[in-house]
Amino acid sequence: MENASKALIIAGAILLSILIIGLGMYIYTQAAGAMDGANLDPQKAEAYNREFLNYAGTNVSGTRARSLYTAIAAHNRANSGDATLQIALTIGGTAFEDNATQAATEEAKQLPSNTLKAGLTYVVSFAYDPNSGFITACNITPKTN
């Protein structure tokens, strides 16, 4: 009888050990999944912003500023279904609307030829969403000497 009770105690201890090990593995996999998700957002924001960050700076030529405008306009049209992915554009202190969701003709969406001049240099800066890290606004201003 004494051997049977010791066998039951040992069996219970083994089952309890297996339960504790299983719980520890579950917690570990949950924590590892949370860490993978935390590293994904900065990488996603970096990939999203990479196309536009090539234009950032204080000595951007007018031609490159026009290319940035074209890239932002194409991006806004491609993401017209998601308002959180639209990039607001300000040129010389004036907000410039190029939102594909607006009812506007293609001619009205074109950049006026006198807005970004090829012979001038510009300062290009960006504003970011504090939660996602995505670019939400672009400011292009003529550089003053």
C-alpha atoms as a PDB file:
ATOM      1  CA  MET A   1       0.000   0.000   0.000  1.00  0.00           C
ATOM      2  CA  GLU A   2       2.875   2.297   0.771  1.00  0.00           C
ATOM      3  CA  ASN A   3       4.391   1.743  -2.691  1.00  0.00           C
ATOM      4  CA  ALA A   4       1.064   2.539  -4.403  1.00  0.00           C
ATOM      5  CA  SER A   5       0.710   5.872  -2.636  1.00  0.00           C
ATOM      6  CA  LYS A   6       4.305   6.814  -3.528  1.00  0.00           C
ATOM      7  CA  ALA A   7       3.608   5.858  -7.172  1.00  0.00           C
ATOM      8  CA  LEU A   8       0.516   8.123  -7.233  1.00  0.00           C
ATOM      9  CA  ILE A   9       2.500  11.014  -5.750  1.00  0.00           C
ATOM     10  CA  ILE A  10       5.256  10.549  -8.352  1.00  0.00           C
ATOM     11  CA  ALA A  11       2.683  10.366 -11.174  1.00  0.00           C
ATOM     12  CA  GLY A  12       0.999  13.547  -9.921  1.00  0.00           C
ATOM     13  CA  ALA A  13       4.345  15.326  -9.740  1.00  0.00           C
ATOM     14  CA  ILE A  14       5.158  14.289 -13.301  1.00  0.00           C
ATOM     15  CA  LEU A  15       1.769  15.543 -14.579  1.00  0.00           C
ATOM     16  CA  LEU A  16       2.224  18.820 -12.706  1.00  0.00           C
ATOM     17  CA  SER A  17       5.728  19.199 -14.213  1.00  0.00           C
ATOM     18  CA  ILE A  18       4.382  18.637 -17.731  1.00  0.00           C
ATOM     19  CA  LEU A  19       1.653  21.230 -17.117  1.00  0.00           C
ATOM     20  CA  ILE A  20       4.182  23.821 -15.881  1.00  0.00           C
ATOM     21  CA  ILE A  21       6.513  23.180 -18.846  1.00  0.00           C
ATOM     22  CA  GLY A  22       3.586  23.462 -21.296  1.00  0.00           C
ATOM     23  CA  LEU A  23       2.443  26.740 -19.708  1.00  0.00           C
ATOM     24  CA  GLY A  24       5.992  28.108 -19.913  1.00  0.00           C
ATOM     25  CA  MET A  25       6.238  27.232 -23.610  1.00  0.00           C
ATOM     26  CA  TYR A  26       2.871  28.872 -24.308  1.00  0.00           C
ATOM     27  CA  ILE A  27       3.958  32.101 -22.593  1.00  0.00           C
ATOM     28  CA  TYR A  28       7.276  32.045 -24.476  1.00  0.00           C
ATOM     29  CA  THR A  29       5.613  31.655 -27.902  1.00  0.00           C
ATOM     30  CA  GLN A  30       3.162  34.461 -27.101  1.00  0.00           C
ATOM     31  CA  ALA A  31       6.002  36.776 -26.075  1.00  0.00           C
ATOM     32  CA  ALA A  32       8.040  35.881 -29.178  1.00  0.00           C
ATOM     33  CA  GLY A  33       5.031  36.644 -31.398  1.00  0.00           C
ATOM     34  CA  ALA A  34       4.607  40.047 -29.749  1.00  0.00           C
ATOM     35  CA  MET A  35       8.270  40.870 -30.342  1.00  0.00           C
ATOM     36  CA  ASP A  36       8.029  39.948 -34.029  1.00  0.00           C
ATOM     37  CA  GLY A  37       5.023  42.251 -34.430  1.00  0.00           C
ATOM     38  CA  ALA A  38       6.856  45.094 -32.696  1.00  0.00           C
ATOM     39  CA  ASN A  39       9.767  44.859 -35.150  1.00  0.00           C
ATOM     40  CA  LEU A  40       7.479  44.739 -38.178  1.00  0.00           C
ATOM     41  CA  ASP A  41       6.031  48.239 -37.821  1.00  0.00           C
ATOM     42  CA  PRO A  42       9.329  50.170 -38.083  1.00  0.00           C
ATOM     43  CA  GLN A  43      10.352  48.051 -41.072  1.00  0.00           C
ATOM     44  CA  LYS A  44       6.989  48.639 -42.719  1.00  0.00           C
ATOM     45  CA  ALA A  45       7.218  52.395 -42.108  1.00  0.00           C
ATOM     46  CA  GLU A  46      10.766  52.479 -43.469  1.00  0.00           C
ATOM     47  CA  ALA A  47       9.729  50.668 -46.643  1.00  0.00           C
ATOM     48  CA  TYR A  48       6.725  52.966 -47.051  1.00  0.00           C
ATOM     49  CA  ASN A  49       8.773  56.162 -46.556  1.00  0.00           C
ATOM     50  CA  ARG A  50      11.856  55.113 -48.551  1.00  0.00           C
ATOM     51  CA  GLU A  51      10.487  56.332 -51.898  1.00  0.00           C
ATOM     52  CA  PHE A  52       9.987  59.872 -50.594  1.00  0.00           C
ATOM     53  CA  LEU A  53      12.967  60.266 -48.259  1.00  0.00           C
ATOM     54  CA  ASN A  54      15.311  60.299 -51.267  1.00  0.00           C
ATOM     55  CA  TYR A  55      14.012  63.807 -51.970  1.00  0.00           C
ATOM     56  CA  ALA A  56      14.452  65.251 -48.456  1.00  0.00           C
ATOM     57  CA  GLY A  57      17.003  67.976 -47.927  1.00  0.00           C
ATOM     58  CA  THR A  58      17.825  71.651 -48.072  1.00  0.00           C
ATOM     59  CA  ASN A  59      19.291  71.831 -51.596  1.00  0.00           C
ATOM     60  CA  VAL A  60      16.729  70.052 -53.740  1.00  0.00           C
ATOM     61  CA  SER A  61      16.655  71.166 -57.366  1.00  0.00           C
ATOM     62  CA  GLY A  62      13.411  72.244 -58.976  1.00  0.00           C
ATOM     63  CA  THR A  63      13.503  69.197 -61.244  1.00  0.00           C
ATOM     64  CA  ARG A  64      13.779  66.839 -58.263  1.00  0.00           C
ATOM     65  CA  ALA A  65      11.022  68.771 -56.467  1.00  0.00           C
ATOM     66  CA  ARG A  66       8.783  68.229 -59.499  1.00  0.00           C
ATOM     67  CA  SER A  67       9.685  64.521 -59.439  1.00  0.00           C
ATOM     68  CA  LEU A  68       8.697  64.414 -55.762  1.00  0.00           C
ATOM     69  CA  TYR A  69       5.383  66.053 -56.616  1.00  0.00           C
ATOM     70  CA  THR A  70       4.793  63.420 -59.313  1.00  0.00           C
ATOM     71  CA  ALA A  71       5.669  60.595 -56.896  1.00  0.00           C
ATOM     72  CA  ILE A  72       3.300  61.946 -54.218  1.00  0.00           C
ATOM     73  CA  ALA A  73       0.493  62.464 -56.753  1.00  0.00           C
ATOM     74  CA  ALA A  74       0.908  58.904 -58.050  1.00  0.00           C
ATOM     75  CA  HIS A  75       1.031  57.563 -54.494  1.00  0.00           C
ATOM     76  CA  ASN A  76      -2.143  59.432 -53.506  1.00  0.00           C
ATOM     77  CA  ARG A  77      -3.981  58.170 -56.581  1.00  0.00           C
ATOM     78  CA  ALA A  78      -2.830  54.577 -55.967  1.00  0.00           C
ATOM     79  CA  ASN A  79      -4.005  54.762 -52.333  1.00  0.00           C
ATOM     80  CA  SER A  80      -7.171  56.768 -52.924  1.00  0.00           C
ATOM     81  CA  GLY A  81      -9.258  54.211 -51.019  1.00  0.00           C
ATOM     82  CA  ASP A  82      -7.334  54.694 -47.760  1.00  0.00           C
ATOM     83  CA  ALA A  83      -7.371  58.206 -46.296  1.00  0.00           C
ATOM     84  CA  THR A  84      -4.627  57.302 -43.790  1.00  0.00           C
ATOM     85  CA  LEU A  85      -2.157  56.751 -46.650  1.00  0.00           C
ATOM     86  CA  GLN A  86      -2.743  60.120 -48.331  1.00  0.00           C
ATOM     87  CA  ILE A  87       0.170  62.576 -48.197  1.00  0.00           C
ATOM     88  CA  ALA A  88      -0.754  66.250 -47.866  1.00  0.00           C
ATOM     89  CA  LEU A  89       1.417  68.510 -50.005  1.00  0.00           C
ATOM     90  CA  THR A  90       2.308  72.120 -49.241  1.00  0.00           C
ATOM     91  CA  ILE A  91       4.249  74.083 -51.835  1.00  0.00           C
ATOM     92  CA  GLY A  92       5.605  77.489 -50.859  1.00  0.00           C
ATOM     93  CA  GLY A  93       3.286  77.754 -47.860  1.00  0.00           C
ATOM     94  CA  THR A  94       0.159  76.983 -49.900  1.00  0.00           C
ATOM     95  CA  ALA A  95      -1.626  73.693 -49.461  1.00  0.00           C
ATOM     96  CA  PHE A  96      -1.850  71.940 -52.788  1.00  0.00           C
ATOM     97  CA  GLU A  97      -4.662  69.440 -53.205  1.00  0.00           C
ATOM     98  CA  ASP A  98      -3.969  66.443 -55.374  1.00  0.00           C
ATOM     99  CA  ASN A  99      -6.369  63.961 -53.900  1.00  0.00           C
ATOM    100  CA  ALA A 100      -7.702  61.364 -56.314  1.00  0.00           C
ATOM    101  CA  THR A 101     -10.891  61.040 -54.263  1.00  0.00           C
ATOM    102  CA  GLN A 102     -11.964  64.567 -55.182  1.00  0.00           C
ATOM    103  CA  ALA A 103     -14.157  65.086 -58.207  1.00  0.00           C
ATOM    104  CA  ALA A 104     -11.618  66.940 -60.349  1.00  0.00           C
ATOM    105  CA  THR A 105     -10.482  66.723 -63.919  1.00  0.00           C
ATOM    106  CA  GLU A 106      -6.983  65.592 -64.834  1.00  0.00           C
ATOM    107  CA  GLU A 107      -6.149  69.148 -65.929  1.00  0.00           C
ATOM    108  CA  ALA A 108      -7.030  70.492 -62.474  1.00  0.00           C
ATOM    109  CA  LYS A 109      -4.717  67.929 -60.853  1.00  0.00           C
ATOM    110  CA  GLN A 110      -1.694  69.016 -62.885  1.00  0.00           C
ATOM    111  CA  LEU A 111       1.002  71.002 -61.135  1.00  0.00           C
ATOM    112  CA  PRO A 112       1.003  74.603 -62.353  1.00  0.00           C
ATOM    113  CA  SER A 113       4.174  75.151 -64.371  1.00  0.00           C
ATOM    114  CA  ASN A 114       5.177  78.227 -62.361  1.00  0.00           C
ATOM    115  CA  THR A 115       4.879  76.516 -58.964  1.00  0.00           C
ATOM    116  CA  LEU A 116       8.158  74.565 -58.976  1.00  0.00           C
ATOM    117  CA  LYS A 117      10.752  76.202 -61.200  1.00  0.00           C
ATOM    118  CA  ALA A 118      13.646  74.162 -62.567  1.00  0.00           C
ATOM    119  CA  GLY A 119      16.272  76.855 -61.887  1.00  0.00           C
ATOM    120  CA  LEU A 120      15.538  77.242 -58.160  1.00  0.00           C
ATOM    121  CA  THR A 121      16.500  75.147 -55.169  1.00  0.00           C
ATOM    122  CA  TYR A 122      13.998  74.036 -52.565  1.00  0.00           C
ATOM    123  CA  VAL A 123      13.848  72.787 -48.998  1.00  0.00           C
ATOM    124  CA  VAL A 124      11.879  69.546 -48.677  1.00  0.00           C
ATOM    125  CA  SER A 125      10.659  68.350 -45.283  1.00  0.00           C
ATOM    126  CA  PHE A 126       8.199  65.707 -44.133  1.00  0.00           C
ATOM    127  CA  ALA A 127       5.753  65.218 -41.258  1.00  0.00           C
ATOM    128  CA  TYR A 128       5.146  61.765 -39.810  1.00  0.00           C
ATOM    129  CA  ASP A 129       2.229  60.016 -38.145  1.00  0.00           C
ATOM    130  CA  PRO A 130       3.336  59.452 -34.522  1.00  0.00           C
ATOM    131  CA  ASN A 131       1.576  56.072 -34.329  1.00  0.00           C
ATOM    132  CA  SER A 132       2.512  54.414 -37.614  1.00  0.00           C
ATOM    133  CA  GLY A 133       5.654  56.350 -38.567  1.00  0.00           C
ATOM    134  CA  PHE A 134       4.310  56.869 -42.106  1.00  0.00           C
ATOM    135  CA  ILE A 135       4.809  60.168 -43.924  1.00  0.00           C
ATOM    136  CA  THR A 136       1.584  62.180 -43.764  1.00  0.00           C
ATOM    137  CA  ALA A 137       2.667  65.557 -45.133  1.00  0.00           C
ATOM    138  CA  CYS A 138       5.317  67.056 -47.372  1.00  0.00           C
ATOM    139  CA  ASN A 139       6.400  70.691 -47.342  1.00  0.00           C
ATOM    140  CA  ILE A 140       8.326  72.138 -50.289  1.00  0.00           C
ATOM    141  CA  THR A 141       9.525  75.729 -49.867  1.00  0.00           C
ATOM    142  CA  PRO A 142      11.855  77.789 -52.049  1.00  0.00           C
ATOM    143  CA  LYS A 143      15.297  78.177 -50.521  1.00  0.00           C
ATOM    144  CA  THR A 144      16.228  81.727 -49.670  1.00  0.00           C
ATOM    145  CA  ASN A 145      19.852  82.805 -49.902  1.00  0.00           C
END
